[in-house]
């Protein structure tokens, strides 16, 4: 799993593009967009074991 910053200077540009993609959407539409993005990114990764590791890591970092 890669947790190093791979976007570098493009991180802010990606964040801005992500926020632009959500512009004008209500909460339900925004959640649906995020779900579609997760599925598209998962398909790009294409490795179930790696995806499960990423899910576990994300979950550990979001619960108190």
C-alpha atoms as a PDB file:
ATOM      1  CA  UNK A   1       0.000   0.000   0.000  1.00  0.00           C
ATOM      2  CA  UNK A   2       1.355   3.404  -0.979  1.00  0.00           C
ATOM      3  CA  UNK A   3       0.659   6.130   1.556  1.00  0.00           C
ATOM      4  CA  UNK A   4       3.324   8.533   0.305  1.00  0.00           C
ATOM      5  CA  UNK A   5       2.146  11.644  -1.523  1.00  0.00           C
ATOM      6  CA  UNK A   6       2.045  10.566  -5.170  1.00  0.00           C
ATOM      7  CA  UNK A   7       0.302  13.706  -6.486  1.00  0.00           C
ATOM      8  CA  UNK A   8       2.823  16.243  -5.248  1.00  0.00           C
ATOM      9  CA  UNK A   9       1.952  19.675  -6.562  1.00  0.00           C
ATOM     10  CA  UNK A  10      -1.087  18.230  -8.335  1.00  0.00           C
ATOM     11  CA  UNK A  11      -2.803  17.330  -5.047  1.00  0.00           C
ATOM     12  CA  UNK A  12      -4.452  20.737  -4.754  1.00  0.00           C
ATOM     13  CA  UNK A  13      -5.496  20.638  -8.407  1.00  0.00           C
ATOM     14  CA  UNK A  14      -7.071  17.206  -7.893  1.00  0.00           C
ATOM     15  CA  UNK A  15      -8.882  18.401  -4.764  1.00  0.00           C
ATOM     16  CA  UNK A  16     -10.210  21.415  -6.673  1.00  0.00           C
ATOM     17  CA  UNK A  17     -11.359  19.194  -9.543  1.00  0.00           C
ATOM     18  CA  UNK A  18     -13.091  16.910  -7.063  1.00  0.00           C
ATOM     19  CA  UNK A  19     -14.860  19.836  -5.436  1.00  0.00           C
ATOM     20  CA  UNK A  20     -15.844  21.161  -8.875  1.00  0.00           C
ATOM     21  CA  UNK A  21     -17.350  17.766  -9.709  1.00  0.00           C
ATOM     22  CA  UNK A  22     -19.557  18.085  -6.601  1.00  0.00           C
ATOM     23  CA  UNK A  23     -20.609  21.665  -7.330  1.00  0.00           C
ATOM     24  CA  UNK A  24     -24.365  22.051  -7.577  1.00  0.00           C
ATOM     25  CA  UNK A  25     -25.122  18.546  -6.304  1.00  0.00           C
ATOM     26  CA  UNK A  26     -27.323  17.951  -3.309  1.00  0.00           C
ATOM     27  CA  UNK A  27     -26.151  15.627  -0.522  1.00  0.00           C
ATOM     28  CA  UNK A  28     -27.681  12.508  -2.071  1.00  0.00           C
ATOM     29  CA  UNK A  29     -26.190  13.242  -5.486  1.00  0.00           C
ATOM     30  CA  UNK A  30     -22.821  13.979  -3.889  1.00  0.00           C
ATOM     31  CA  UNK A  31     -22.851  10.630  -2.069  1.00  0.00           C
ATOM     32  CA  UNK A  32     -23.793   8.891  -5.332  1.00  0.00           C
ATOM     33  CA  UNK A  33     -20.896  10.589  -7.128  1.00  0.00           C
ATOM     34  CA  UNK A  34     -18.497   9.461  -4.384  1.00  0.00           C
ATOM     35  CA  UNK A  35     -19.804   5.888  -4.649  1.00  0.00           C
ATOM     36  CA  UNK A  36     -19.298   5.895  -8.423  1.00  0.00           C
ATOM     37  CA  UNK A  37     -15.778   7.265  -7.981  1.00  0.00           C
ATOM     38  CA  UNK A  38     -14.916   4.524  -5.481  1.00  0.00           C
ATOM     39  CA  UNK A  39     -16.119   1.861  -7.911  1.00  0.00           C
ATOM     40  CA  UNK A  40     -14.256   3.426 -10.843  1.00  0.00           C
ATOM     41  CA  UNK A  41     -11.041   3.729  -8.809  1.00  0.00           C
ATOM     42  CA  UNK A  42     -11.462   0.139  -7.551  1.00  0.00           C
ATOM     43  CA  UNK A  43     -11.812  -1.049 -11.118  1.00  0.00           C
ATOM     44  CA  UNK A  44      -8.614   0.834 -12.021  1.00  0.00           C
ATOM     45  CA  UNK A  45      -6.757  -0.881  -9.164  1.00  0.00           C
ATOM     46  CA  UNK A  46      -8.283  -4.239 -10.044  1.00  0.00           C
ATOM     47  CA  UNK A  47      -6.768  -6.239  -7.153  1.00  0.00           C
ATOM     48  CA  UNK A  48      -9.237  -7.444  -4.526  1.00  0.00           C
ATOM     49  CA  UNK A  49      -6.630  -8.113  -1.831  1.00  0.00           C
ATOM     50  CA  UNK A  50      -5.153  -4.645  -2.287  1.00  0.00           C
ATOM     51  CA  UNK A  51      -8.616  -3.072  -2.222  1.00  0.00           C
ATOM     52  CA  UNK A  52      -9.482  -4.886   1.018  1.00  0.00           C
ATOM     53  CA  UNK A  53      -6.242  -3.596   2.585  1.00  0.00           C
ATOM     54  CA  UNK A  54      -7.084  -0.064   1.497  1.00  0.00           C
ATOM     55  CA  UNK A  55     -10.615  -0.365   2.908  1.00  0.00           C
ATOM     56  CA  UNK A  56      -9.270  -1.616   6.237  1.00  0.00           C
ATOM     57  CA  UNK A  57      -6.738   1.209   6.391  1.00  0.00           C
ATOM     58  CA  UNK A  58      -9.338   3.844   5.529  1.00  0.00           C
ATOM     59  CA  UNK A  59     -11.727   2.460   8.135  1.00  0.00           C
ATOM     60  CA  UNK A  60      -9.032   2.470  10.844  1.00  0.00           C
ATOM     61  CA  UNK A  61      -8.262   6.098  10.093  1.00  0.00           C
ATOM     62  CA  UNK A  62     -11.898   7.250  10.247  1.00  0.00           C
ATOM     63  CA  UNK A  63     -13.147   5.626  13.433  1.00  0.00           C
ATOM     64  CA  UNK A  64     -12.330   6.896  16.901  1.00  0.00           C
END
